Amino acid sequence: MRFTTGAVLLLGLFLGPLARAELPTNVQVEVNFLLGYIEGSGCDFYRNGTRYDSKAAQVHLRGKYKYLVAGNMMTTTEDFIERAATESSFTGQPYEVKCNGGATITSNQWLRDELARFRSF
């Protein structure tokens, strides 16, 4: 009996880190809202010096979101913005957004502004 209990506990120590915590529902809703907002914005997105349309930007950021969730690397919507939607993971260059011929701003600020508007409703 003692061996079985010890084996189960030891197995739990090794497998425990593999368990994925589910993101809170509000974080899932907010991130999915932001991803939809990106795709429907019609804005130009600049990543590593190249312009991408809003659909391509959304696909790219959704992939980074899935990676962060799978690795338990985010717990808040702000984590998503900071770790997935602010800069290139490879070059460190900031992502930028330009909408309707307006000024170019960082995607970090653009998404934080939209998140604040979303939360105010």
PDB file of N, CA and C in Angstrom:
ATOM      1  N   MET A   1       0.827  -1.185   0.000  1.00  0.00           N
ATOM      2  CA  MET A   1       0.000   0.000   0.000  1.00  0.00           C
ATOM      3  C   MET A   1       0.880   1.261   0.000  1.00  0.00           C
ATOM      4  N   ARG A   2       1.938   1.262   0.811  1.00  0.00           N
ATOM      5  CA  ARG A   2       2.823   2.408   0.902  1.00  0.00           C
ATOM      6  C   ARG A   2       3.510   2.664  -0.445  1.00  0.00           C
ATOM      7  N   PHE A   3       3.941   1.606  -1.138  1.00  0.00           N
ATOM      8  CA  PHE A   3       4.584   1.750  -2.445  1.00  0.00           C
ATOM      9  C   PHE A   3       3.617   2.359  -3.455  1.00  0.00           C
ATOM     10  N   THR A   4       2.383   1.896  -3.470  1.00  0.00           N
ATOM     11  CA  THR A   4       1.390   2.390  -4.420  1.00  0.00           C
ATOM     12  C   THR A   4       1.119   3.875  -4.196  1.00  0.00           C
ATOM     13  N   THR A   5       0.956   4.271  -2.951  1.00  0.00           N
ATOM     14  CA  THR A   5       0.705   5.675  -2.646  1.00  0.00           C
ATOM     15  C   THR A   5       1.901   6.526  -3.051  1.00  0.00           C
ATOM     16  N   GLY A   6       3.091   6.058  -2.740  1.00  0.00           N
ATOM     17  CA  GLY A   6       4.308   6.793  -3.114  1.00  0.00           C
ATOM     18  C   GLY A   6       4.454   6.895  -4.621  1.00  0.00           C
ATOM     19  N   ALA A   7       4.148   5.832  -5.339  1.00  0.00           N
ATOM     20  CA  ALA A   7       4.244   5.842  -6.796  1.00  0.00           C
ATOM     21  C   ALA A   7       3.248   6.824  -7.403  1.00  0.00           C
ATOM     22  N   VAL A   8       2.044   6.857  -6.861  1.00  0.00           N
ATOM     23  CA  VAL A   8       1.022   7.784  -7.361  1.00  0.00           C
ATOM     24  C   VAL A   8       1.452   9.228  -7.106  1.00  0.00           C
ATOM     25  N   LEU A   9       1.985   9.509  -5.921  1.00  0.00           N
ATOM     26  CA  LEU A   9       2.440  10.860  -5.624  1.00  0.00           C
ATOM     27  C   LEU A   9       3.601  11.267  -6.523  1.00  0.00           C
ATOM     28  N   LEU A  10       4.537  10.370  -6.729  1.00  0.00           N
ATOM     29  CA  LEU A  10       5.672  10.651  -7.590  1.00  0.00           C
ATOM     30  C   LEU A  10       5.218  10.896  -9.024  1.00  0.00           C
ATOM     31  N   LEU A  11       4.290  10.080  -9.495  1.00  0.00           N
ATOM     32  CA  LEU A  11       3.752  10.260 -10.840  1.00  0.00           C
ATOM     33  C   LEU A  11       3.070  11.622 -10.953  1.00  0.00           C
ATOM     34  N   GLY A  12       2.351  12.018  -9.908  1.00  0.00           N
ATOM     35  CA  GLY A  12       1.692  13.319  -9.886  1.00  0.00           C
ATOM     36  C   GLY A  12       2.683  14.471  -9.980  1.00  0.00           C
ATOM     37  N   LEU A  13       3.851  14.312  -9.358  1.00  0.00           N
ATOM     38  CA  LEU A  13       4.874  15.350  -9.431  1.00  0.00           C
ATOM     39  C   LEU A  13       5.398  15.531 -10.857  1.00  0.00           C
ATOM     40  N   PHE A  14       5.521  14.422 -11.575  1.00  0.00           N
ATOM     41  CA  PHE A  14       6.014  14.499 -12.942  1.00  0.00           C
ATOM     42  C   PHE A  14       4.953  14.950 -13.929  1.00  0.00           C
ATOM     43  N   LEU A  15       3.735  14.528 -13.741  1.00  0.00           N
ATOM     44  CA  LEU A  15       2.666  14.851 -14.678  1.00  0.00           C
ATOM     45  C   LEU A  15       1.957  16.150 -14.338  1.00  0.00           C
ATOM     46  N   GLY A  16       2.074  16.610 -13.117  1.00  0.00           N
ATOM     47  CA  GLY A  16       1.400  17.838 -12.697  1.00  0.00           C
ATOM     48  C   GLY A  16       1.675  19.020 -13.603  1.00  0.00           C
ATOM     49  N   PRO A  17       2.947  19.275 -13.958  1.00  0.00           N
ATOM     50  CA  PRO A  17       3.227  20.421 -14.825  1.00  0.00           C
ATOM     51  C   PRO A  17       2.610  20.289 -16.217  1.00  0.00           C
ATOM     52  N   LEU A  18       2.242  19.092 -16.626  1.00  0.00           N
ATOM     53  CA  LEU A  18       1.637  18.917 -17.938  1.00  0.00           C
ATOM     54  C   LEU A  18       0.174  19.339 -17.957  1.00  0.00           C
ATOM     55  N   ALA A  19      -0.450  19.401 -16.801  1.00  0.00           N
ATOM     56  CA  ALA A  19      -1.856  19.789 -16.736  1.00  0.00           C
ATOM     57  C   ALA A  19      -1.985  21.263 -17.106  1.00  0.00           C
ATOM     58  N   ARG A  20      -2.983  21.564 -17.905  1.00  0.00           N
ATOM     59  CA  ARG A  20      -3.197  22.940 -18.331  1.00  0.00           C
ATOM     60  C   ARG A  20      -4.354  23.544 -17.568  1.00  0.00           C
ATOM     61  N   ALA A  21      -4.114  24.694 -17.031  1.00  0.00           N
ATOM     62  CA  ALA A  21      -5.180  25.416 -16.350  1.00  0.00           C
ATOM     63  C   ALA A  21      -6.058  26.073 -17.412  1.00  0.00           C
ATOM     64  N   GLU A  22      -7.336  26.015 -17.218  1.00  0.00           N
ATOM     65  CA  GLU A  22      -8.277  26.649 -18.124  1.00  0.00           C
ATOM     66  C   GLU A  22      -8.271  28.155 -17.861  1.00  0.00           C
ATOM     67  N   LEU A  23      -8.237  28.928 -18.924  1.00  0.00           N
ATOM     68  CA  LEU A  23      -8.318  30.382 -18.758  1.00  0.00           C
ATOM     69  C   LEU A  23      -9.692  30.751 -18.229  1.00  0.00           C
ATOM     70  N   PRO A  24      -9.767  31.774 -17.396  1.00  0.00           N
ATOM     71  CA  PRO A  24     -11.077  32.245 -16.952  1.00  0.00           C
ATOM     72  C   PRO A  24     -11.941  32.632 -18.156  1.00  0.00           C
ATOM     73  N   THR A  25     -13.228  32.418 -18.040  1.00  0.00           N
ATOM     74  CA  THR A  25     -14.152  32.689 -19.138  1.00  0.00           C
ATOM     75  C   THR A  25     -14.055  34.127 -19.613  1.00  0.00           C
ATOM     76  N   ASN A  26     -13.957  35.071 -18.683  1.00  0.00           N
ATOM     77  CA  ASN A  26     -13.893  36.476 -19.106  1.00  0.00           C
ATOM     78  C   ASN A  26     -12.651  36.759 -19.951  1.00  0.00           C
ATOM     79  N   VAL A  27     -11.542  36.091 -19.666  1.00  0.00           N
ATOM     80  CA  VAL A  27     -10.327  36.284 -20.463  1.00  0.00           C
ATOM     81  C   VAL A  27     -10.530  35.703 -21.858  1.00  0.00           C
ATOM     82  N   GLN A  28     -11.121  34.523 -21.941  1.00  0.00           N
ATOM     83  CA  GLN A  28     -11.405  33.919 -23.240  1.00  0.00           C
ATOM     84  C   GLN A  28     -12.309  34.828 -24.073  1.00  0.00           C
ATOM     85  N   VAL A  29     -13.348  35.376 -23.437  1.00  0.00           N
ATOM     86  CA  VAL A  29     -14.285  36.261 -24.141  1.00  0.00           C
ATOM     87  C   VAL A  29     -13.567  37.518 -24.620  1.00  0.00           C
ATOM     88  N   GLU A  30     -12.772  38.123 -23.757  1.00  0.00           N
ATOM     89  CA  GLU A  30     -12.077  39.363 -24.125  1.00  0.00           C
ATOM     90  C   GLU A  30     -11.063  39.141 -25.247  1.00  0.00           C
ATOM     91  N   VAL A  31     -10.291  38.076 -25.151  1.00  0.00           N
ATOM     92  CA  VAL A  31      -9.288  37.820 -26.190  1.00  0.00           C
ATOM     93  C   VAL A  31      -9.975  37.516 -27.514  1.00  0.00           C
ATOM     94  N   ASN A  32     -11.023  36.712 -27.477  1.00  0.00           N
ATOM     95  CA  ASN A  32     -11.738  36.419 -28.720  1.00  0.00           C
ATOM     96  C   ASN A  32     -12.393  37.670 -29.293  1.00  0.00           C
ATOM     97  N   PHE A  33     -12.878  38.557 -28.429  1.00  0.00           N
ATOM     98  CA  PHE A  33     -13.394  39.842 -28.902  1.00  0.00           C
ATOM     99  C   PHE A  33     -12.289  40.622 -29.610  1.00  0.00           C
ATOM    100  N   LEU A  34     -11.119  40.724 -28.974  1.00  0.00           N
ATOM    101  CA  LEU A  34     -10.012  41.480 -29.575  1.00  0.00           C
ATOM    102  C   LEU A  34      -9.578  40.875 -30.906  1.00  0.00           C
ATOM    103  N   LEU A  35      -9.526  39.560 -30.978  1.00  0.00           N
ATOM    104  CA  LEU A  35      -9.156  38.913 -32.238  1.00  0.00           C
ATOM    105  C   LEU A  35     -10.181  39.214 -33.329  1.00  0.00           C
ATOM    106  N   GLY A  36     -11.461  39.194 -32.974  1.00  0.00           N
ATOM    107  CA  GLY A  36     -12.502  39.559 -33.927  1.00  0.00           C
ATOM    108  C   GLY A  36     -12.416  41.024 -34.323  1.00  0.00           C
ATOM    109  N   TYR A  37     -12.104  41.869 -33.353  1.00  0.00           N
ATOM    110  CA  TYR A  37     -11.939  43.297 -33.608  1.00  0.00           C
ATOM    111  C   TYR A  37     -10.796  43.532 -34.593  1.00  0.00           C
ATOM    112  N   ILE A  38      -9.693  42.842 -34.386  1.00  0.00           N
ATOM    113  CA  ILE A  38      -8.543  42.951 -35.291  1.00  0.00           C
ATOM    114  C   ILE A  38      -8.958  42.567 -36.705  1.00  0.00           C
ATOM    115  N   GLU A  39      -9.578  41.405 -36.834  1.00  0.00           N
ATOM    116  CA  GLU A  39      -9.935  40.897 -38.163  1.00  0.00           C
ATOM    117  C   GLU A  39     -10.921  41.824 -38.877  1.00  0.00           C
ATOM    118  N   GLY A  40     -11.883  42.353 -38.151  1.00  0.00           N
ATOM    119  CA  GLY A  40     -12.899  43.201 -38.764  1.00  0.00           C
ATOM    120  C   GLY A  40     -12.515  44.659 -38.899  1.00  0.00           C
ATOM    121  N   SER A  41     -11.351  45.030 -38.415  1.00  0.00           N
ATOM    122  CA  SER A  41     -10.961  46.444 -38.382  1.00  0.00           C
ATOM    123  C   SER A  41     -10.665  47.029 -39.754  1.00  0.00           C
ATOM    124  N   GLY A  42     -10.171  46.208 -40.663  1.00  0.00           N
ATOM    125  CA  GLY A  42      -9.753  46.722 -41.964  1.00  0.00           C
ATOM    126  C   GLY A  42      -8.464  47.523 -41.898  1.00  0.00           C
ATOM    127  N   CYS A  43      -7.804  47.499 -40.762  1.00  0.00           N
ATOM    128  CA  CYS A  43      -6.564  48.259 -40.574  1.00  0.00           C
ATOM    129  C   CYS A  43      -5.377  47.520 -41.175  1.00  0.00           C
ATOM    130  N   ASP A  44      -4.312  48.262 -41.397  1.00  0.00           N
ATOM    131  CA  ASP A  44      -3.042  47.673 -41.824  1.00  0.00           C
ATOM    132  C   ASP A  44      -2.203  47.400 -40.585  1.00  0.00           C
ATOM    133  N   PHE A  45      -1.557  46.261 -40.576  1.00  0.00           N
ATOM    134  CA  PHE A  45      -0.705  45.857 -39.461  1.00  0.00           C
ATOM    135  C   PHE A  45       0.703  45.683 -39.977  1.00  0.00           C
ATOM    136  N   TYR A  46       1.645  46.233 -39.225  1.00  0.00           N
ATOM    137  CA  TYR A  46       3.046  46.162 -39.613  1.00  0.00           C
ATOM    138  C   TYR A  46       3.793  45.283 -38.626  1.00  0.00           C
ATOM    139  N   ARG A  47       4.403  44.235 -39.196  1.00  0.00           N
ATOM    140  CA  ARG A  47       5.169  43.283 -38.392  1.00  0.00           C
ATOM    141  C   ARG A  47       6.492  43.047 -39.096  1.00  0.00           C
ATOM    142  N   ASN A  48       7.570  43.349 -38.395  1.00  0.00           N
ATOM    143  CA  ASN A  48       8.924  43.169 -38.935  1.00  0.00           C
ATOM    144  C   ASN A  48       9.100  43.858 -40.290  1.00  0.00           C
ATOM    145  N   GLY A  49       8.534  45.064 -40.404  1.00  0.00           N
ATOM    146  CA  GLY A  49       8.712  45.859 -41.610  1.00  0.00           C
ATOM    147  C   GLY A  49       7.804  45.507 -42.768  1.00  0.00           C
ATOM    148  N   THR A  50       6.927  44.543 -42.584  1.00  0.00           N
ATOM    149  CA  THR A  50       6.022  44.124 -43.647  1.00  0.00           C
ATOM    150  C   THR A  50       4.585  44.438 -43.259  1.00  0.00           C
ATOM    151  N   ARG A  51       3.804  44.917 -44.228  1.00  0.00           N
ATOM    152  CA  ARG A  51       2.399  45.236 -44.023  1.00  0.00           C
ATOM    153  C   ARG A  51       1.558  43.971 -44.205  1.00  0.00           C
ATOM    154  N   TYR A  52       0.612  43.774 -43.286  1.00  0.00           N
ATOM    155  CA  TYR A  52      -0.335  42.660 -43.360  1.00  0.00           C
ATOM    156  C   TYR A  52      -1.742  43.214 -43.222  1.00  0.00           C
ATOM    157  N   ASP A  53      -2.702  42.561 -43.891  1.00  0.00           N
ATOM    158  CA  ASP A  53      -4.085  42.992 -43.712  1.00  0.00           C
ATOM    159  C   ASP A  53      -4.612  42.458 -42.383  1.00  0.00           C
ATOM    160  N   SER A  54      -5.794  42.914 -42.021  1.00  0.00           N
ATOM    161  CA  SER A  54      -6.345  42.583 -40.703  1.00  0.00           C
ATOM    162  C   SER A  54      -6.610  41.088 -40.538  1.00  0.00           C
ATOM    163  N   LYS A  55      -6.993  40.400 -41.603  1.00  0.00           N
ATOM    164  CA  LYS A  55      -7.241  38.950 -41.502  1.00  0.00           C
ATOM    165  C   LYS A  55      -5.938  38.208 -41.208  1.00  0.00           C
ATOM    166  N   ALA A  56      -4.880  38.545 -41.923  1.00  0.00           N
ATOM    167  CA  ALA A  56      -3.582  37.895 -41.697  1.00  0.00           C
ATOM    168  C   ALA A  56      -3.061  38.196 -40.296  1.00  0.00           C
ATOM    169  N   ALA A  57      -3.275  39.423 -39.834  1.00  0.00           N
ATOM    170  CA  ALA A  57      -2.838  39.783 -38.477  1.00  0.00           C
ATOM    171  C   ALA A  57      -3.583  38.953 -37.440  1.00  0.00           C
ATOM    172  N   GLN A  58      -4.875  38.799 -37.637  1.00  0.00           N
ATOM    173  CA  GLN A  58      -5.676  38.014 -36.696  1.00  0.00           C
ATOM    174  C   GLN A  58      -5.211  36.556 -36.665  1.00  0.00           C
ATOM    175  N   VAL A  59      -4.963  35.977 -37.821  1.00  0.00           N
ATOM    176  CA  VAL A  59      -4.500  34.584 -37.885  1.00  0.00           C
ATOM    177  C   VAL A  59      -3.176  34.436 -37.149  1.00  0.00           C
ATOM    178  N   HIS A  60      -2.272  35.373 -37.377  1.00  0.00           N
ATOM    179  CA  HIS A  60      -0.961  35.326 -36.719  1.00  0.00           C
ATOM    180  C   HIS A  60      -1.107  35.415 -35.194  1.00  0.00           C
ATOM    181  N   LEU A  61      -1.904  36.370 -34.734  1.00  0.00           N
ATOM    182  CA  LEU A  61      -2.055  36.566 -33.289  1.00  0.00           C
ATOM    183  C   LEU A  61      -2.848  35.437 -32.638  1.00  0.00           C
ATOM    184  N   ARG A  62      -3.803  34.854 -33.358  1.00  0.00           N
ATOM    185  CA  ARG A  62      -4.526  33.694 -32.810  1.00  0.00           C
ATOM    186  C   ARG A  62      -3.563  32.527 -32.603  1.00  0.00           C
ATOM    187  N   GLY A  63      -2.634  32.350 -33.520  1.00  0.00           N
ATOM    188  CA  GLY A  63      -1.638  31.297 -33.356  1.00  0.00           C
ATOM    189  C   GLY A  63      -0.768  31.528 -32.129  1.00  0.00           C
ATOM    190  N   LYS A  64      -0.357  32.775 -31.915  1.00  0.00           N
ATOM    191  CA  LYS A  64       0.436  33.090 -30.733  1.00  0.00           C
ATOM    192  C   LYS A  64      -0.394  32.900 -29.461  1.00  0.00           C
ATOM    193  N   TYR A  65      -1.663  33.255 -29.512  1.00  0.00           N
ATOM    194  CA  TYR A  65      -2.576  33.052 -28.371  1.00  0.00           C
ATOM    195  C   TYR A  65      -2.673  31.568 -28.018  1.00  0.00           C
ATOM    196  N   LYS A  66      -2.877  30.731 -29.016  1.00  0.00           N
ATOM    197  CA  LYS A  66      -2.961  29.281 -28.762  1.00  0.00           C
ATOM    198  C   LYS A  66      -1.671  28.749 -28.150  1.00  0.00           C
ATOM    199  N   TYR A  67      -0.545  29.248 -28.622  1.00  0.00           N
ATOM    200  CA  TYR A  67       0.745  28.842 -28.076  1.00  0.00           C
ATOM    201  C   TYR A  67       0.863  29.229 -26.604  1.00  0.00           C
ATOM    202  N   LEU A  68       0.469  30.458 -26.272  1.00  0.00           N
ATOM    203  CA  LEU A  68       0.544  30.925 -24.887  1.00  0.00           C
ATOM    204  C   LEU A  68      -0.375  30.109 -23.980  1.00  0.00           C
ATOM    205  N   VAL A  69      -1.576  29.829 -24.454  1.00  0.00           N
ATOM    206  CA  VAL A  69      -2.522  29.034 -23.652  1.00  0.00           C
ATOM    207  C   VAL A  69      -1.980  27.629 -23.439  1.00  0.00           C
ATOM    208  N   ALA A  70      -1.489  27.013 -24.483  1.00  0.00           N
ATOM    209  CA  ALA A  70      -0.970  25.644 -24.379  1.00  0.00           C
ATOM    210  C   ALA A  70       0.210  25.563 -23.414  1.00  0.00           C
ATOM    211  N   GLY A  71       0.977  26.616 -23.317  1.00  0.00           N
ATOM    212  CA  GLY A  71       2.137  26.628 -22.439  1.00  0.00           C
ATOM    213  C   GLY A  71       1.883  27.251 -21.077  1.00  0.00           C
ATOM    214  N   ASN A  72       0.605  27.505 -20.761  1.00  0.00           N
ATOM    215  CA  ASN A  72       0.253  28.151 -19.486  1.00  0.00           C
ATOM    216  C   ASN A  72       1.038  29.440 -19.273  1.00  0.00           C
ATOM    217  N   MET A  73       1.162  30.241 -20.323  1.00  0.00           N
ATOM    218  CA  MET A  73       1.962  31.454 -20.245  1.00  0.00           C
ATOM    219  C   MET A  73       1.124  32.724 -20.179  1.00  0.00           C
ATOM    220  N   MET A  74      -0.167  32.579 -19.961  1.00  0.00           N
ATOM    221  CA  MET A  74      -1.003  33.766 -19.808  1.00  0.00           C
ATOM    222  C   MET A  74      -2.178  33.459 -18.898  1.00  0.00           C
ATOM    223  N   THR A  75      -2.583  34.481 -18.152  1.00  0.00           N
ATOM    224  CA  THR A  75      -3.748  34.330 -17.281  1.00  0.00           C
ATOM    225  C   THR A  75      -4.722  35.493 -17.434  1.00  0.00           C
ATOM    226  N   THR A  76      -4.277  36.570 -18.092  1.00  0.00           N
ATOM    227  CA  THR A  76      -5.132  37.745 -18.249  1.00  0.00           C
ATOM    228  C   THR A  76      -5.138  38.184 -19.709  1.00  0.00           C
ATOM    229  N   THR A  77      -6.093  39.023 -20.039  1.00  0.00           N
ATOM    230  CA  THR A  77      -6.146  39.594 -21.387  1.00  0.00           C
ATOM    231  C   THR A  77      -4.944  40.496 -21.619  1.00  0.00           C
ATOM    232  N   GLU A  78      -4.514  41.191 -20.578  1.00  0.00           N
ATOM    233  CA  GLU A  78      -3.317  42.021 -20.693  1.00  0.00           C
ATOM    234  C   GLU A  78      -2.085  41.172 -21.019  1.00  0.00           C
ATOM    235  N   ASP A  79      -2.028  39.946 -20.480  1.00  0.00           N
ATOM    236  CA  ASP A  79      -0.934  39.033 -20.845  1.00  0.00           C
ATOM    237  C   ASP A  79      -0.949  38.751 -22.339  1.00  0.00           C
ATOM    238  N   PHE A  80      -2.148  38.534 -22.885  1.00  0.00           N
ATOM    239  CA  PHE A  80      -2.260  38.299 -24.331  1.00  0.00           C
ATOM    240  C   PHE A  80      -1.711  39.495 -25.106  1.00  0.00           C
ATOM    241  N   ILE A  81      -2.141  40.685 -24.728  1.00  0.00           N
ATOM    242  CA  ILE A  81      -1.687  41.878 -25.443  1.00  0.00           C
ATOM    243  C   ILE A  81      -0.170  42.008 -25.324  1.00  0.00           C
ATOM    244  N   GLU A  82       0.342  41.864 -24.122  1.00  0.00           N
ATOM    245  CA  GLU A  82       1.773  42.063 -23.880  1.00  0.00           C
ATOM    246  C   GLU A  82       2.636  40.980 -24.523  1.00  0.00           C
ATOM    247  N   ARG A  83       2.225  39.738 -24.413  1.00  0.00           N
ATOM    248  CA  ARG A  83       3.081  38.628 -24.850  1.00  0.00           C
ATOM    249  C   ARG A  83       2.852  38.182 -26.285  1.00  0.00           C
ATOM    250  N   ALA A  84       1.678  38.476 -26.833  1.00  0.00           N
ATOM    251  CA  ALA A  84       1.392  38.023 -28.196  1.00  0.00           C
ATOM    252  C   ALA A  84       1.253  39.168 -29.186  1.00  0.00           C
ATOM    253  N   ALA A  85       0.706  40.295 -28.744  1.00  0.00           N
ATOM    254  CA  ALA A  85       0.283  41.315 -29.697  1.00  0.00           C
ATOM    255  C   ALA A  85       1.053  42.622 -29.621  1.00  0.00           C
ATOM    256  N   THR A  86       2.177  42.634 -28.952  1.00  0.00           N
ATOM    257  CA  THR A  86       2.935  43.872 -28.794  1.00  0.00           C
ATOM    258  C   THR A  86       4.158  43.940 -29.697  1.00  0.00           C
ATOM    259  N   GLU A  87       4.852  42.822 -29.819  1.00  0.00           N
ATOM    260  CA  GLU A  87       6.089  42.830 -30.597  1.00  0.00           C
ATOM    261  C   GLU A  87       6.393  41.447 -31.144  1.00  0.00           C
ATOM    262  N   SER A  88       7.295  41.424 -32.103  1.00  0.00           N
ATOM    263  CA  SER A  88       7.730  40.173 -32.697  1.00  0.00           C
ATOM    264  C   SER A  88       8.519  39.357 -31.681  1.00  0.00           C
ATOM    265  N   SER A  89       8.175  38.098 -31.573  1.00  0.00           N
ATOM    266  CA  SER A  89       8.904  37.199 -30.677  1.00  0.00           C
ATOM    267  C   SER A  89      10.321  36.944 -31.184  1.00  0.00           C
ATOM    268  N   PHE A  90      10.525  37.131 -32.479  1.00  0.00           N
ATOM    269  CA  PHE A  90      11.826  36.843 -33.068  1.00  0.00           C
ATOM    270  C   PHE A  90      12.754  38.054 -33.088  1.00  0.00           C
ATOM    271  N   THR A  91      12.218  39.212 -33.465  1.00  0.00           N
ATOM    272  CA  THR A  91      13.084  40.386 -33.628  1.00  0.00           C
ATOM    273  C   THR A  91      12.938  41.398 -32.501  1.00  0.00           C
ATOM    274  N   GLY A  92      11.838  41.336 -31.757  1.00  0.00           N
ATOM    275  CA  GLY A  92      11.583  42.311 -30.711  1.00  0.00           C
ATOM    276  C   GLY A  92      11.029  43.629 -31.238  1.00  0.00           C
ATOM    277  N   GLN A  93      10.847  43.730 -32.563  1.00  0.00           N
ATOM    278  CA  GLN A  93      10.296  44.954 -33.140  1.00  0.00           C
ATOM    279  C   GLN A  93       8.821  45.081 -32.773  1.00  0.00           C
ATOM    280  N   PRO A  94       8.388  46.281 -32.414  1.00  0.00           N
ATOM    281  CA  PRO A  94       6.981  46.460 -32.043  1.00  0.00           C
ATOM    282  C   PRO A  94       6.055  46.294 -33.244  1.00  0.00           C
ATOM    283  N   TYR A  95       4.877  45.756 -32.979  1.00  0.00           N
ATOM    284  CA  TYR A  95       3.820  45.695 -33.985  1.00  0.00           C
ATOM    285  C   TYR A  95       3.154  47.065 -34.030  1.00  0.00           C
ATOM    286  N   GLU A  96       2.776  47.481 -35.225  1.00  0.00           N
ATOM    287  CA  GLU A  96       2.115  48.771 -35.398  1.00  0.00           C
ATOM    288  C   GLU A  96       0.839  48.599 -36.213  1.00  0.00           C
ATOM    289  N   VAL A  97      -0.081  49.553 -36.011  1.00  0.00           N
ATOM    290  CA  VAL A  97      -1.386  49.518 -36.660  1.00  0.00           C
ATOM    291  C   VAL A  97      -1.655  50.887 -37.280  1.00  0.00           C
ATOM    292  N   LYS A  98      -2.222  50.860 -38.481  1.00  0.00           N
ATOM    293  CA  LYS A  98      -2.635  52.102 -39.138  1.00  0.00           C
ATOM    294  C   LYS A  98      -4.030  51.886 -39.705  1.00  0.00           C
ATOM    295  N   CYS A  99      -4.974  52.723 -39.267  1.00  0.00           N
ATOM    296  CA  CYS A  99      -6.372  52.573 -39.663  1.00  0.00           C
ATOM    297  C   CYS A  99      -6.855  53.779 -40.453  1.00  0.00           C
ATOM    298  N   ASN A 100      -7.490  53.526 -41.564  1.00  0.00           N
ATOM    299  CA  ASN A 100      -8.168  54.571 -42.349  1.00  0.00           C
ATOM    300  C   ASN A 100      -7.295  55.782 -42.642  1.00  0.00           C
ATOM    301  N   GLY A 101      -6.049  55.567 -42.971  1.00  0.00           N
ATOM    302  CA  GLY A 101      -5.169  56.670 -43.298  1.00  0.00           C
ATOM    303  C   GLY A 101      -4.743  57.519 -42.113  1.00  0.00           C
ATOM    304  N   GLY A 102      -5.081  57.072 -40.909  1.00  0.00           N
ATOM    305  CA  GLY A 102      -4.719  57.806 -39.701  1.00  0.00           C
ATOM    306  C   GLY A 102      -3.270  57.592 -39.320  1.00  0.00           C
ATOM    307  N   ALA A 103      -2.950  58.043 -38.142  1.00  0.00           N
ATOM    308  CA  ALA A 103      -1.589  57.903 -37.626  1.00  0.00           C
ATOM    309  C   ALA A 103      -1.291  56.439 -37.304  1.00  0.00           C
ATOM    310  N   THR A 104      -0.041  56.078 -37.400  1.00  0.00           N
ATOM    311  CA  THR A 104       0.399  54.743 -37.012  1.00  0.00           C
ATOM    312  C   THR A 104       0.628  54.735 -35.505  1.00  0.00           C
ATOM    313  N   ILE A 105       0.059  53.730 -34.836  1.00  0.00           N
ATOM    314  CA  ILE A 105       0.247  53.588 -33.389  1.00  0.00           C
ATOM    315  C   ILE A 105       0.678  52.158 -33.092  1.00  0.00           C
ATOM    316  N   THR A 106       1.170  51.943 -31.896  1.00  0.00           N
ATOM    317  CA  THR A 106       1.565  50.586 -31.518  1.00  0.00           C
ATOM    318  C   THR A 106       0.306  49.736 -31.336  1.00  0.00           C
ATOM    319  N   SER A 107       0.432  48.480 -31.664  1.00  0.00           N
ATOM    320  CA  SER A 107      -0.701  47.566 -31.466  1.00  0.00           C
ATOM    321  C   SER A 107      -1.023  47.438 -29.985  1.00  0.00           C
ATOM    322  N   ASN A 108      -0.015  47.574 -29.135  1.00  0.00           N
ATOM    323  CA  ASN A 108      -0.235  47.498 -27.696  1.00  0.00           C
ATOM    324  C   ASN A 108      -1.239  48.569 -27.267  1.00  0.00           C
ATOM    325  N   GLN A 109      -0.988  49.815 -27.652  1.00  0.00           N
ATOM    326  CA  GLN A 109      -1.885  50.909 -27.270  1.00  0.00           C
ATOM    327  C   GLN A 109      -3.257  50.750 -27.922  1.00  0.00           C
ATOM    328  N   TRP A 110      -3.276  50.384 -29.175  1.00  0.00           N
ATOM    329  CA  TRP A 110      -4.520  50.214 -29.929  1.00  0.00           C
ATOM    330  C   TRP A 110      -5.417  49.166 -29.268  1.00  0.00           C
ATOM    331  N   LEU A 111      -4.828  48.037 -28.891  1.00  0.00           N
ATOM    332  CA  LEU A 111      -5.614  46.961 -28.260  1.00  0.00           C
ATOM    333  C   LEU A 111      -6.002  47.308 -26.831  1.00  0.00           C
ATOM    334  N   ARG A 112      -5.131  47.953 -26.085  1.00  0.00           N
ATOM    335  CA  ARG A 112      -5.489  48.361 -24.714  1.00  0.00           C
ATOM    336  C   ARG A 112      -6.643  49.369 -24.721  1.00  0.00           C
ATOM    337  N   ASP A 113      -6.630  50.285 -25.687  1.00  0.00           N
ATOM    338  CA  ASP A 113      -7.733  51.242 -25.809  1.00  0.00           C
ATOM    339  C   ASP A 113      -9.040  50.513 -26.105  1.00  0.00           C
ATOM    340  N   GLU A 114      -8.994  49.558 -27.023  1.00  0.00           N
ATOM    341  CA  GLU A 114     -10.222  48.820 -27.374  1.00  0.00           C
ATOM    342  C   GLU A 114     -10.679  47.935 -26.224  1.00  0.00           C
ATOM    343  N   LEU A 115      -9.756  47.339 -25.499  1.00  0.00           N
ATOM    344  CA  LEU A 115     -10.120  46.529 -24.336  1.00  0.00           C
ATOM    345  C   LEU A 115     -10.808  47.393 -23.284  1.00  0.00           C
ATOM    346  N   ALA A 116     -10.305  48.598 -23.067  1.00  0.00           N
ATOM    347  CA  ALA A 116     -10.935  49.508 -22.089  1.00  0.00           C
ATOM    348  C   ALA A 116     -12.348  49.860 -22.537  1.00  0.00           C
ATOM    349  N   ARG A 117     -12.541  50.117 -23.847  1.00  0.00           N
ATOM    350  CA  ARG A 117     -13.888  50.406 -24.355  1.00  0.00           C
ATOM    351  C   ARG A 117     -14.809  49.205 -24.167  1.00  0.00           C
ATOM    352  N   PHE A 118     -14.295  48.021 -24.456  1.00  0.00           N
ATOM    353  CA  PHE A 118     -15.082  46.793 -24.309  1.00  0.00           C
ATOM    354  C   PHE A 118     -15.515  46.595 -22.856  1.00  0.00           C
ATOM    355  N   ARG A 119     -14.595  46.807 -21.952  1.00  0.00           N
ATOM    356  CA  ARG A 119     -14.895  46.613 -20.537  1.00  0.00           C
ATOM    357  C   ARG A 119     -15.856  47.671 -19.984  1.00  0.00           C
ATOM    358  N   SER A 120     -15.903  48.825 -20.622  1.00  0.00           N
ATOM    359  CA  SER A 120     -16.794  49.885 -20.122  1.00  0.00           C
ATOM    360  C   SER A 120     -18.261  49.610 -20.425  1.00  0.00           C
ATOM    361  N   PHE A 121     -18.520  48.668 -21.320  1.00  0.00           N
ATOM    362  CA  PHE A 121     -19.911  48.342 -21.640  1.00  0.00           C
ATOM    363  C   PHE A 121     -20.459  47.382 -20.664  1.00  0.00           C
TER     364      PHE A 121
END
